[in-house]
N, C-alpha and C. Protein backbone atom coordinates (compact mmCIF):
# COMPACT_ATOMS: atom_id res chain seq x y z
N MET A 1 -28.62 30.96 27.72
CA MET A 1 -29.79 31.80 27.53
C MET A 1 -30.07 31.98 26.05
N SER A 2 -31.31 31.82 25.65
CA SER A 2 -31.67 31.89 24.24
C SER A 2 -31.76 33.34 23.77
N ASN A 3 -31.34 33.56 22.52
CA ASN A 3 -31.49 34.88 21.91
C ASN A 3 -32.56 34.86 20.81
N ARG A 4 -33.32 33.77 20.74
CA ARG A 4 -34.39 33.73 19.75
C ARG A 4 -35.43 34.79 20.09
N PRO A 5 -36.11 35.31 19.06
CA PRO A 5 -37.10 36.35 19.34
C PRO A 5 -38.29 35.78 20.13
N VAL A 6 -38.89 36.63 20.93
CA VAL A 6 -40.07 36.21 21.68
C VAL A 6 -41.22 36.00 20.70
N ASN A 7 -42.15 35.13 21.07
CA ASN A 7 -43.25 34.87 20.16
C ASN A 7 -44.61 35.24 20.72
N LYS A 8 -44.65 35.77 21.91
CA LYS A 8 -45.94 36.20 22.43
C LYS A 8 -45.77 37.22 23.56
N LEU A 9 -46.86 37.94 23.78
CA LEU A 9 -46.95 38.93 24.86
C LEU A 9 -47.94 38.40 25.87
N ILE A 10 -47.54 38.37 27.14
CA ILE A 10 -48.39 37.82 28.20
C ILE A 10 -48.56 38.86 29.30
N LEU A 11 -49.79 39.06 29.72
CA LEU A 11 -50.10 39.88 30.88
C LEU A 11 -50.25 38.95 32.07
N ALA A 12 -49.35 39.07 33.04
CA ALA A 12 -49.38 38.22 34.22
C ALA A 12 -50.36 38.79 35.23
N SER A 13 -51.64 38.59 34.95
CA SER A 13 -52.67 39.20 35.79
C SER A 13 -54.02 38.55 35.51
N SER A 14 -54.86 38.51 36.52
CA SER A 14 -56.24 38.10 36.34
C SER A 14 -57.18 39.30 36.41
N SER A 15 -56.61 40.51 36.49
CA SER A 15 -57.41 41.72 36.64
C SER A 15 -58.10 42.12 35.34
N PRO A 16 -59.42 42.26 35.35
CA PRO A 16 -60.11 42.72 34.14
C PRO A 16 -59.75 44.17 33.79
N PHE A 17 -59.36 44.95 34.80
CA PHE A 17 -59.00 46.35 34.57
C PHE A 17 -57.68 46.44 33.81
N ARG A 18 -56.71 45.63 34.21
CA ARG A 18 -55.42 45.63 33.49
C ARG A 18 -55.59 45.06 32.08
N ARG A 19 -56.41 44.04 31.95
CA ARG A 19 -56.65 43.47 30.62
C ARG A 19 -57.26 44.52 29.70
N GLU A 20 -58.23 45.28 30.21
CA GLU A 20 -58.87 46.32 29.39
C GLU A 20 -57.87 47.40 29.02
N LEU A 21 -57.03 47.80 29.96
CA LEU A 21 -56.03 48.83 29.68
C LEU A 21 -55.06 48.37 28.60
N LEU A 22 -54.52 47.15 28.73
CA LEU A 22 -53.56 46.67 27.75
C LEU A 22 -54.20 46.53 26.37
N SER A 23 -55.48 46.17 26.33
CA SER A 23 -56.16 46.01 25.03
C SER A 23 -56.25 47.34 24.28
N ARG A 24 -56.14 48.46 24.98
CA ARG A 24 -56.17 49.77 24.33
C ARG A 24 -55.02 49.94 23.34
N LEU A 25 -53.93 49.22 23.54
CA LEU A 25 -52.76 49.37 22.67
C LEU A 25 -52.91 48.62 21.36
N GLY A 26 -53.94 47.78 21.23
CA GLY A 26 -54.18 47.08 19.98
C GLY A 26 -53.19 45.95 19.70
N LEU A 27 -52.55 45.44 20.73
CA LEU A 27 -51.59 44.34 20.58
C LEU A 27 -52.27 43.02 20.93
N GLU A 28 -51.83 41.95 20.27
CA GLU A 28 -52.30 40.63 20.65
C GLU A 28 -51.57 40.19 21.91
N PHE A 29 -52.32 39.69 22.88
CA PHE A 29 -51.70 39.20 24.12
C PHE A 29 -52.61 38.18 24.76
N GLU A 30 -52.04 37.42 25.65
CA GLU A 30 -52.85 36.51 26.46
C GLU A 30 -52.65 36.85 27.92
N THR A 31 -53.55 36.40 28.76
CA THR A 31 -53.43 36.65 30.19
C THR A 31 -53.21 35.32 30.91
N VAL A 32 -52.36 35.36 31.91
CA VAL A 32 -52.09 34.19 32.75
C VAL A 32 -52.08 34.68 34.19
N SER A 33 -52.87 34.03 35.03
CA SER A 33 -52.89 34.42 36.44
C SER A 33 -51.63 33.92 37.13
N PRO A 34 -50.90 34.83 37.82
CA PRO A 34 -49.63 34.42 38.42
C PRO A 34 -49.77 33.62 39.71
N GLY A 35 -50.87 33.79 40.42
CA GLY A 35 -51.10 33.01 41.63
C GLY A 35 -49.99 33.10 42.67
N ILE A 36 -49.64 34.31 43.09
CA ILE A 36 -48.56 34.48 44.06
C ILE A 36 -49.10 34.98 45.39
N ASP A 37 -48.29 34.89 46.42
CA ASP A 37 -48.62 35.42 47.74
C ASP A 37 -48.36 36.93 47.71
N GLU A 38 -49.39 37.73 47.93
CA GLU A 38 -49.26 39.18 47.81
C GLU A 38 -49.14 39.89 49.16
N ARG A 39 -48.94 39.13 50.22
CA ARG A 39 -48.81 39.77 51.53
C ARG A 39 -47.50 40.55 51.63
N PRO A 40 -47.54 41.72 52.27
CA PRO A 40 -46.31 42.51 52.42
C PRO A 40 -45.33 41.84 53.37
N LEU A 41 -44.05 42.11 53.13
CA LEU A 41 -43.01 41.66 54.05
C LEU A 41 -42.90 42.63 55.22
N PRO A 42 -42.33 42.22 56.33
CA PRO A 42 -42.16 43.14 57.46
C PRO A 42 -41.37 44.38 57.04
N ASP A 43 -41.85 45.55 57.43
CA ASP A 43 -41.18 46.84 57.18
C ASP A 43 -41.04 47.18 55.69
N GLU A 44 -41.83 46.54 54.83
CA GLU A 44 -41.77 46.83 53.40
C GLU A 44 -42.63 48.06 53.10
N SER A 45 -42.05 49.04 52.42
CA SER A 45 -42.81 50.25 52.07
C SER A 45 -43.77 49.94 50.93
N ALA A 46 -44.72 50.84 50.72
CA ALA A 46 -45.69 50.66 49.63
C ALA A 46 -45.00 50.55 48.27
N PRO A 47 -44.05 51.46 47.92
CA PRO A 47 -43.37 51.31 46.63
C PRO A 47 -42.57 50.01 46.53
N GLN A 48 -41.91 49.62 47.61
CA GLN A 48 -41.14 48.37 47.59
C GLN A 48 -42.06 47.16 47.37
N LEU A 49 -43.20 47.17 48.04
CA LEU A 49 -44.16 46.08 47.88
C LEU A 49 -44.68 46.01 46.45
N ALA A 50 -45.07 47.15 45.90
CA ALA A 50 -45.59 47.18 44.53
C ALA A 50 -44.54 46.68 43.54
N GLU A 51 -43.31 47.13 43.68
CA GLU A 51 -42.26 46.72 42.76
C GLU A 51 -41.96 45.22 42.89
N ARG A 52 -41.87 44.74 44.12
CA ARG A 52 -41.58 43.31 44.32
C ARG A 52 -42.68 42.44 43.73
N LEU A 53 -43.93 42.81 43.97
CA LEU A 53 -45.03 41.99 43.47
C LEU A 53 -45.12 42.00 41.95
N ALA A 54 -44.87 43.14 41.31
CA ALA A 54 -44.90 43.19 39.85
C ALA A 54 -43.84 42.27 39.27
N GLN A 55 -42.64 42.31 39.83
CA GLN A 55 -41.56 41.46 39.32
C GLN A 55 -41.82 39.99 39.63
N THR A 56 -42.34 39.70 40.81
CA THR A 56 -42.65 38.32 41.17
C THR A 56 -43.71 37.74 40.25
N LYS A 57 -44.73 38.53 39.93
CA LYS A 57 -45.77 38.07 39.00
C LYS A 57 -45.17 37.75 37.64
N ALA A 58 -44.34 38.67 37.13
CA ALA A 58 -43.74 38.46 35.82
C ALA A 58 -42.85 37.22 35.82
N ARG A 59 -42.03 37.05 36.84
CA ARG A 59 -41.11 35.90 36.90
C ARG A 59 -41.88 34.59 37.05
N SER A 60 -42.96 34.61 37.82
CA SER A 60 -43.75 33.41 38.02
C SER A 60 -44.32 32.90 36.70
N VAL A 61 -44.86 33.81 35.91
CA VAL A 61 -45.45 33.41 34.62
C VAL A 61 -44.37 33.09 33.60
N ALA A 62 -43.28 33.86 33.62
CA ALA A 62 -42.19 33.65 32.65
C ALA A 62 -41.57 32.26 32.80
N ALA A 63 -41.59 31.71 33.99
CA ALA A 63 -40.99 30.40 34.22
C ALA A 63 -41.62 29.32 33.33
N ASP A 64 -42.89 29.48 32.99
CA ASP A 64 -43.60 28.51 32.14
C ASP A 64 -43.70 28.95 30.69
N HIS A 65 -43.14 30.12 30.36
CA HIS A 65 -43.23 30.66 28.99
C HIS A 65 -41.86 31.20 28.60
N PRO A 66 -40.97 30.33 28.11
CA PRO A 66 -39.58 30.74 27.89
C PRO A 66 -39.34 31.65 26.68
N GLN A 67 -40.33 31.89 25.85
CA GLN A 67 -40.13 32.76 24.68
C GLN A 67 -41.20 33.84 24.66
N ALA A 68 -41.29 34.60 25.72
CA ALA A 68 -42.37 35.59 25.83
C ALA A 68 -41.88 36.89 26.45
N LEU A 69 -42.63 37.93 26.17
CA LEU A 69 -42.52 39.18 26.92
C LEU A 69 -43.65 39.15 27.94
N VAL A 70 -43.29 39.20 29.21
CA VAL A 70 -44.28 39.06 30.28
C VAL A 70 -44.40 40.37 31.03
N ILE A 71 -45.63 40.85 31.16
CA ILE A 71 -45.92 42.10 31.86
C ILE A 71 -46.46 41.76 33.24
N GLY A 72 -45.78 42.27 34.26
CA GLY A 72 -46.28 42.17 35.62
C GLY A 72 -46.59 43.57 36.12
N SER A 73 -47.64 43.70 36.89
CA SER A 73 -47.98 45.01 37.45
C SER A 73 -48.65 44.82 38.79
N ASP A 74 -48.47 45.80 39.66
CA ASP A 74 -49.14 45.75 40.95
C ASP A 74 -49.36 47.18 41.43
N GLN A 75 -50.35 47.34 42.27
CA GLN A 75 -50.67 48.67 42.79
C GLN A 75 -50.87 48.59 44.29
N VAL A 76 -50.24 49.51 45.00
CA VAL A 76 -50.42 49.61 46.45
C VAL A 76 -50.82 51.05 46.76
N ALA A 77 -51.89 51.20 47.52
CA ALA A 77 -52.36 52.52 47.92
C ALA A 77 -52.13 52.73 49.41
N ILE A 78 -51.88 53.97 49.77
CA ILE A 78 -51.70 54.29 51.19
C ILE A 78 -52.43 55.58 51.53
N ILE A 79 -52.89 55.65 52.76
CA ILE A 79 -53.32 56.90 53.39
C ILE A 79 -52.38 57.08 54.57
N GLY A 80 -51.56 58.13 54.51
CA GLY A 80 -50.49 58.25 55.50
C GLY A 80 -49.51 57.13 55.29
N ASP A 81 -49.32 56.29 56.31
CA ASP A 81 -48.45 55.13 56.18
C ASP A 81 -49.22 53.82 56.12
N GLU A 82 -50.54 53.90 56.11
CA GLU A 82 -51.35 52.69 56.16
C GLU A 82 -51.70 52.21 54.75
N ILE A 83 -51.39 50.94 54.49
CA ILE A 83 -51.72 50.35 53.19
C ILE A 83 -53.22 50.10 53.11
N ILE A 84 -53.80 50.52 51.99
CA ILE A 84 -55.23 50.35 51.73
C ILE A 84 -55.37 49.34 50.60
N GLY A 85 -56.04 48.24 50.86
CA GLY A 85 -56.19 47.20 49.85
C GLY A 85 -57.54 47.24 49.16
N LYS A 86 -57.90 46.12 48.57
CA LYS A 86 -59.22 45.96 47.95
C LYS A 86 -60.20 45.60 49.06
N PRO A 87 -61.34 46.28 49.13
CA PRO A 87 -62.23 46.03 50.27
C PRO A 87 -62.85 44.63 50.26
N GLY A 88 -63.26 44.15 49.10
CA GLY A 88 -63.83 42.81 49.03
C GLY A 88 -65.31 42.72 49.34
N ASN A 89 -65.84 43.66 50.12
CA ASN A 89 -67.28 43.65 50.41
C ASN A 89 -67.74 45.06 50.76
N HIS A 90 -69.05 45.21 50.90
CA HIS A 90 -69.65 46.53 51.10
C HIS A 90 -69.20 47.18 52.40
N GLU A 91 -69.21 46.41 53.48
CA GLU A 91 -68.89 46.97 54.79
C GLU A 91 -67.46 47.52 54.83
N LYS A 92 -66.52 46.77 54.29
CA LYS A 92 -65.13 47.24 54.27
C LYS A 92 -64.97 48.43 53.34
N ALA A 93 -65.72 48.44 52.25
CA ALA A 93 -65.66 49.58 51.32
C ALA A 93 -66.17 50.85 52.00
N VAL A 94 -67.22 50.74 52.79
CA VAL A 94 -67.73 51.89 53.54
C VAL A 94 -66.64 52.41 54.47
N GLU A 95 -65.98 51.52 55.19
CA GLU A 95 -64.93 51.93 56.12
C GLU A 95 -63.76 52.59 55.39
N GLN A 96 -63.38 52.04 54.23
CA GLN A 96 -62.28 52.64 53.48
C GLN A 96 -62.62 54.06 53.03
N LEU A 97 -63.82 54.25 52.51
CA LEU A 97 -64.19 55.58 52.03
C LEU A 97 -64.40 56.56 53.18
N LYS A 98 -64.88 56.09 54.32
CA LYS A 98 -64.96 56.96 55.49
C LYS A 98 -63.56 57.39 55.92
N GLN A 99 -62.62 56.46 55.87
CA GLN A 99 -61.24 56.78 56.23
C GLN A 99 -60.62 57.75 55.22
N ALA A 100 -60.99 57.62 53.94
CA ALA A 100 -60.41 58.46 52.88
C ALA A 100 -61.02 59.86 52.84
N SER A 101 -62.18 60.04 53.44
CA SER A 101 -62.90 61.31 53.37
C SER A 101 -62.01 62.50 53.76
N GLY A 102 -61.87 63.45 52.84
CA GLY A 102 -61.09 64.66 53.08
C GLY A 102 -59.59 64.46 53.06
N LYS A 103 -59.13 63.28 52.68
CA LYS A 103 -57.70 62.96 52.76
C LYS A 103 -57.10 62.66 51.40
N MET A 104 -55.76 62.60 51.40
CA MET A 104 -55.00 62.19 50.23
C MET A 104 -54.80 60.68 50.26
N MET A 105 -54.94 60.06 49.10
CA MET A 105 -54.60 58.65 48.96
C MET A 105 -53.53 58.56 47.87
N GLU A 106 -52.41 57.97 48.21
CA GLU A 106 -51.30 57.83 47.26
C GLU A 106 -51.29 56.42 46.69
N PHE A 107 -51.17 56.35 45.37
CA PHE A 107 -51.10 55.07 44.67
C PHE A 107 -49.69 54.88 44.11
N HIS A 108 -49.13 53.71 44.34
CA HIS A 108 -47.82 53.35 43.79
C HIS A 108 -48.08 52.17 42.86
N THR A 109 -48.03 52.43 41.55
CA THR A 109 -48.33 51.40 40.57
C THR A 109 -47.05 51.01 39.85
N SER A 110 -46.71 49.76 39.97
CA SER A 110 -45.47 49.26 39.38
C SER A 110 -45.77 48.52 38.09
N VAL A 111 -44.80 48.55 37.19
CA VAL A 111 -44.90 47.78 35.95
C VAL A 111 -43.54 47.16 35.69
N CYS A 112 -43.56 45.90 35.27
CA CYS A 112 -42.34 45.17 34.96
C CYS A 112 -42.54 44.48 33.62
N LEU A 113 -41.57 44.60 32.74
CA LEU A 113 -41.58 43.87 31.48
C LEU A 113 -40.36 42.95 31.47
N LEU A 114 -40.63 41.66 31.43
CA LEU A 114 -39.58 40.64 31.48
C LEU A 114 -39.54 39.88 30.17
N ASN A 115 -38.39 39.90 29.52
CA ASN A 115 -38.16 39.10 28.32
C ASN A 115 -37.63 37.74 28.79
N SER A 116 -38.48 36.74 28.73
CA SER A 116 -38.08 35.44 29.27
C SER A 116 -37.06 34.73 28.38
N ALA A 117 -36.90 35.18 27.14
CA ALA A 117 -35.89 34.59 26.26
C ALA A 117 -34.49 35.09 26.61
N THR A 118 -34.37 36.35 27.03
CA THR A 118 -33.05 36.94 27.30
C THR A 118 -32.81 37.19 28.79
N GLY A 119 -33.87 37.20 29.58
CA GLY A 119 -33.76 37.52 31.00
C GLY A 119 -33.76 39.02 31.28
N HIS A 120 -33.88 39.83 30.23
CA HIS A 120 -33.85 41.29 30.41
C HIS A 120 -35.11 41.76 31.14
N VAL A 121 -34.92 42.56 32.18
CA VAL A 121 -36.02 43.07 32.98
C VAL A 121 -36.02 44.59 32.96
N GLN A 122 -37.18 45.18 32.72
CA GLN A 122 -37.38 46.61 32.88
C GLN A 122 -38.47 46.79 33.94
N ALA A 123 -38.25 47.69 34.87
CA ALA A 123 -39.22 47.88 35.94
C ALA A 123 -39.26 49.34 36.36
N ASP A 124 -40.43 49.79 36.74
CA ASP A 124 -40.59 51.17 37.19
C ASP A 124 -41.82 51.27 38.08
N ILE A 125 -41.88 52.35 38.84
CA ILE A 125 -43.05 52.66 39.67
C ILE A 125 -43.57 54.03 39.26
N VAL A 126 -44.86 54.11 39.03
CA VAL A 126 -45.49 55.37 38.62
C VAL A 126 -46.43 55.82 39.73
N PRO A 127 -46.12 56.92 40.41
CA PRO A 127 -46.99 57.39 41.50
C PRO A 127 -48.18 58.19 40.99
N PHE A 128 -49.23 58.18 41.77
CA PHE A 128 -50.42 58.98 41.46
C PHE A 128 -51.11 59.28 42.78
N THR A 129 -51.62 60.50 42.92
CA THR A 129 -52.27 60.92 44.16
C THR A 129 -53.66 61.45 43.88
N VAL A 130 -54.60 61.09 44.74
CA VAL A 130 -55.94 61.65 44.66
C VAL A 130 -56.29 62.28 46.00
N LYS A 131 -57.08 63.33 45.95
CA LYS A 131 -57.59 63.97 47.17
C LYS A 131 -59.10 63.79 47.17
N PHE A 132 -59.60 63.17 48.22
CA PHE A 132 -61.03 62.93 48.35
C PHE A 132 -61.75 64.16 48.92
N ARG A 133 -62.95 64.39 48.44
CA ARG A 133 -63.84 65.38 49.06
C ARG A 133 -64.22 64.86 50.45
N ARG A 134 -64.82 65.72 51.23
CA ARG A 134 -65.41 65.25 52.48
C ARG A 134 -66.68 64.48 52.11
N LEU A 135 -66.74 63.23 52.55
CA LEU A 135 -67.81 62.33 52.13
C LEU A 135 -68.72 61.99 53.30
N ASP A 136 -70.02 62.22 53.13
CA ASP A 136 -70.96 61.78 54.16
C ASP A 136 -71.41 60.36 53.85
N ILE A 137 -72.05 59.73 54.82
CA ILE A 137 -72.39 58.32 54.68
C ILE A 137 -73.39 58.09 53.56
N LYS A 138 -74.27 59.06 53.31
CA LYS A 138 -75.24 58.91 52.22
C LYS A 138 -74.53 58.88 50.87
N THR A 139 -73.56 59.78 50.68
CA THR A 139 -72.80 59.80 49.43
C THR A 139 -72.03 58.50 49.26
N ILE A 140 -71.38 58.05 50.32
CA ILE A 140 -70.61 56.80 50.26
C ILE A 140 -71.51 55.63 49.89
N THR A 141 -72.65 55.51 50.58
CA THR A 141 -73.56 54.39 50.34
C THR A 141 -74.13 54.43 48.93
N ASN A 142 -74.58 55.61 48.50
CA ASN A 142 -75.13 55.72 47.14
C ASN A 142 -74.09 55.34 46.09
N TYR A 143 -72.86 55.80 46.29
CA TYR A 143 -71.81 55.48 45.33
C TYR A 143 -71.57 53.97 45.30
N LEU A 144 -71.38 53.37 46.45
CA LEU A 144 -71.06 51.94 46.50
C LEU A 144 -72.16 51.08 45.93
N LEU A 145 -73.41 51.44 46.18
CA LEU A 145 -74.51 50.64 45.66
C LEU A 145 -74.64 50.77 44.14
N ARG A 146 -74.24 51.90 43.60
CA ARG A 146 -74.31 52.08 42.15
C ARG A 146 -73.14 51.45 41.41
N GLU A 147 -71.92 51.58 41.95
CA GLU A 147 -70.75 51.12 41.20
C GLU A 147 -70.16 49.80 41.71
N ARG A 148 -70.39 49.49 42.98
CA ARG A 148 -69.93 48.22 43.56
C ARG A 148 -68.44 47.96 43.29
N PRO A 149 -67.57 48.87 43.71
CA PRO A 149 -66.13 48.74 43.40
C PRO A 149 -65.37 47.90 44.44
N TYR A 150 -65.92 46.76 44.78
CA TYR A 150 -65.39 45.98 45.89
C TYR A 150 -64.07 45.27 45.56
N ASP A 151 -63.76 45.18 44.27
CA ASP A 151 -62.49 44.56 43.88
C ASP A 151 -61.48 45.61 43.41
N CYS A 152 -61.71 46.87 43.84
CA CYS A 152 -60.82 47.97 43.44
C CYS A 152 -60.09 48.51 44.67
N THR A 153 -58.78 48.70 44.51
CA THR A 153 -58.00 49.29 45.59
C THR A 153 -58.57 50.65 45.97
N GLY A 154 -58.82 50.86 47.26
CA GLY A 154 -59.35 52.12 47.72
C GLY A 154 -60.85 52.27 47.60
N ALA A 155 -61.53 51.25 47.07
CA ALA A 155 -62.99 51.21 46.98
C ALA A 155 -63.60 52.28 46.08
N PHE A 156 -62.89 52.62 44.99
CA PHE A 156 -63.50 53.53 44.02
C PHE A 156 -62.87 53.32 42.66
N LYS A 157 -63.61 53.73 41.61
CA LYS A 157 -63.13 53.65 40.22
C LYS A 157 -63.08 55.06 39.66
N SER A 158 -61.88 55.55 39.43
CA SER A 158 -61.75 56.91 38.89
C SER A 158 -62.30 57.01 37.48
N GLU A 159 -62.33 55.89 36.76
CA GLU A 159 -62.83 55.90 35.39
C GLU A 159 -64.35 55.81 35.33
N GLY A 160 -64.98 55.73 36.50
CA GLY A 160 -66.43 55.67 36.58
C GLY A 160 -66.96 56.76 37.50
N LEU A 161 -67.99 56.42 38.26
CA LEU A 161 -68.61 57.39 39.17
C LEU A 161 -67.69 57.79 40.32
N GLY A 162 -66.63 57.04 40.55
CA GLY A 162 -65.69 57.39 41.60
C GLY A 162 -65.09 58.77 41.44
N ILE A 163 -65.08 59.26 40.22
CA ILE A 163 -64.55 60.61 39.97
C ILE A 163 -65.33 61.66 40.75
N THR A 164 -66.59 61.39 41.07
CA THR A 164 -67.41 62.36 41.81
C THR A 164 -67.01 62.47 43.27
N LEU A 165 -66.20 61.52 43.75
CA LEU A 165 -65.77 61.52 45.15
C LEU A 165 -64.52 62.37 45.38
N LEU A 166 -63.92 62.85 44.29
CA LEU A 166 -62.59 63.46 44.38
C LEU A 166 -62.61 64.97 44.26
N GLU A 167 -61.66 65.61 44.95
CA GLU A 167 -61.39 67.04 44.74
C GLU A 167 -60.44 67.23 43.58
N TYR A 168 -59.39 66.38 43.52
CA TYR A 168 -58.46 66.46 42.40
C TYR A 168 -57.63 65.19 42.31
N MET A 169 -56.95 65.05 41.16
CA MET A 169 -56.02 63.95 40.93
C MET A 169 -54.71 64.56 40.46
N ARG A 170 -53.59 63.97 40.88
CA ARG A 170 -52.28 64.45 40.44
C ARG A 170 -51.41 63.27 40.05
N GLY A 171 -50.86 63.35 38.84
CA GLY A 171 -49.97 62.31 38.38
C GLY A 171 -49.71 62.45 36.90
N GLU A 172 -48.68 61.77 36.43
CA GLU A 172 -48.28 61.89 35.04
C GLU A 172 -49.05 60.97 34.11
N ASP A 173 -49.61 59.89 34.62
CA ASP A 173 -50.28 58.91 33.77
C ASP A 173 -51.55 58.42 34.44
N PRO A 174 -52.73 58.84 33.95
CA PRO A 174 -53.98 58.42 34.58
C PRO A 174 -54.22 56.91 34.53
N THR A 175 -53.59 56.22 33.57
CA THR A 175 -53.77 54.76 33.53
C THR A 175 -53.06 54.08 34.70
N ALA A 176 -52.09 54.76 35.31
CA ALA A 176 -51.44 54.21 36.50
C ALA A 176 -52.46 54.08 37.63
N LEU A 177 -53.35 55.04 37.74
CA LEU A 177 -54.37 55.00 38.79
C LEU A 177 -55.31 53.81 38.59
N ILE A 178 -55.59 53.46 37.34
CA ILE A 178 -56.49 52.34 37.05
C ILE A 178 -55.78 51.00 37.27
N GLY A 179 -54.44 50.99 37.13
CA GLY A 179 -53.74 49.76 37.47
C GLY A 179 -52.63 49.30 36.55
N LEU A 180 -52.42 49.98 35.40
CA LEU A 180 -51.33 49.59 34.51
C LEU A 180 -50.83 50.84 33.79
N PRO A 181 -49.62 51.31 34.12
CA PRO A 181 -49.12 52.57 33.55
C PRO A 181 -48.73 52.42 32.08
N LEU A 182 -49.65 52.75 31.19
CA LEU A 182 -49.42 52.50 29.77
C LEU A 182 -48.33 53.37 29.17
N ILE A 183 -48.19 54.61 29.63
CA ILE A 183 -47.15 55.48 29.06
C ILE A 183 -45.78 54.84 29.27
N ARG A 184 -45.51 54.40 30.48
CA ARG A 184 -44.22 53.77 30.76
C ARG A 184 -44.10 52.43 30.06
N LEU A 185 -45.18 51.67 30.03
CA LEU A 185 -45.15 50.36 29.38
C LEU A 185 -44.83 50.48 27.89
N CYS A 186 -45.38 51.49 27.22
CA CYS A 186 -45.10 51.69 25.79
C CYS A 186 -43.61 51.88 25.55
N ARG A 187 -42.95 52.64 26.41
CA ARG A 187 -41.51 52.85 26.25
C ARG A 187 -40.74 51.53 26.47
N MET A 188 -41.20 50.74 27.42
CA MET A 188 -40.57 49.45 27.68
C MET A 188 -40.72 48.52 26.48
N LEU A 189 -41.92 48.47 25.91
CA LEU A 189 -42.16 47.62 24.74
C LEU A 189 -41.29 48.05 23.56
N GLU A 190 -41.14 49.37 23.39
CA GLU A 190 -40.27 49.86 22.32
C GLU A 190 -38.84 49.39 22.50
N GLN A 191 -38.36 49.33 23.76
CA GLN A 191 -37.01 48.84 24.03
C GLN A 191 -36.84 47.37 23.63
N GLU A 192 -37.97 46.66 23.59
CA GLU A 192 -37.93 45.25 23.17
C GLU A 192 -38.30 45.09 21.69
N GLY A 193 -38.36 46.21 20.98
CA GLY A 193 -38.61 46.14 19.53
C GLY A 193 -40.06 46.11 19.12
N ILE A 194 -40.97 46.36 20.06
CA ILE A 194 -42.39 46.37 19.72
C ILE A 194 -42.86 47.82 19.62
N ARG A 195 -43.18 48.24 18.40
CA ARG A 195 -43.70 49.57 18.17
C ARG A 195 -45.23 49.50 18.11
N ILE A 196 -45.86 50.37 18.86
CA ILE A 196 -47.32 50.36 18.92
C ILE A 196 -47.90 50.94 17.63
N LEU A 197 -47.29 52.02 17.14
CA LEU A 197 -47.78 52.69 15.92
C LEU A 197 -46.78 52.53 14.80
C-alpha cells in the first residue's frame, strides 16, 4: 500500500446538489459518476442502505484513482418503515407528497471519505427529520409545477420552495438534508490533513 500523498479530491457522484454543496468549501475537486446498483438488499434498514451505498460509491471510484481522497455519499428517506426514493416524474411526486402530508419523513444521509493511497476509510450517517404540514392537492400541484423536484428524494427541496411544505425541521446539519453532510465531512478532511480555513 502506498503512503504517497493524495493528489486530488474526487466526489463520487453525478448529483448536482452534492456538487454544489462541496463547492461551498472552496476546494478543488472533480466529480466521477460511480455507476453502481443502488437497490436495497433484503431486510436492509435505511441507515444500513445509506452507509453501504456511500462506501460502495467511494470504493468504486477509488479503484480507478489510486492517489485520491474519494467522497461517497448517499441519502435514504423513510416514512415509517417505507423507503421513499426520487419520484422521477410528476405523478409519482404527487403521490409521495400526498403520502407525506401531515407526517414525519426521516432522512439518513451517509458520507464516506476514502483515501485510496492508504485504504483509510471514514464513514458516518447524519440523520435529519422533517415534519410536513397537511397538504392539499392544490398546494402539492402548485409546488411541483413551480419547482419540479422530480430528481429529489421525497419530492421536495428544502433549500427552495419546499420549505413552505414543512412544519419544522430537526437535525444537526442542514446540508445533510440536501444530500452531503458538510459539517461531518470537514472533520473527515481535517483527519486527512486538509484544512478548509
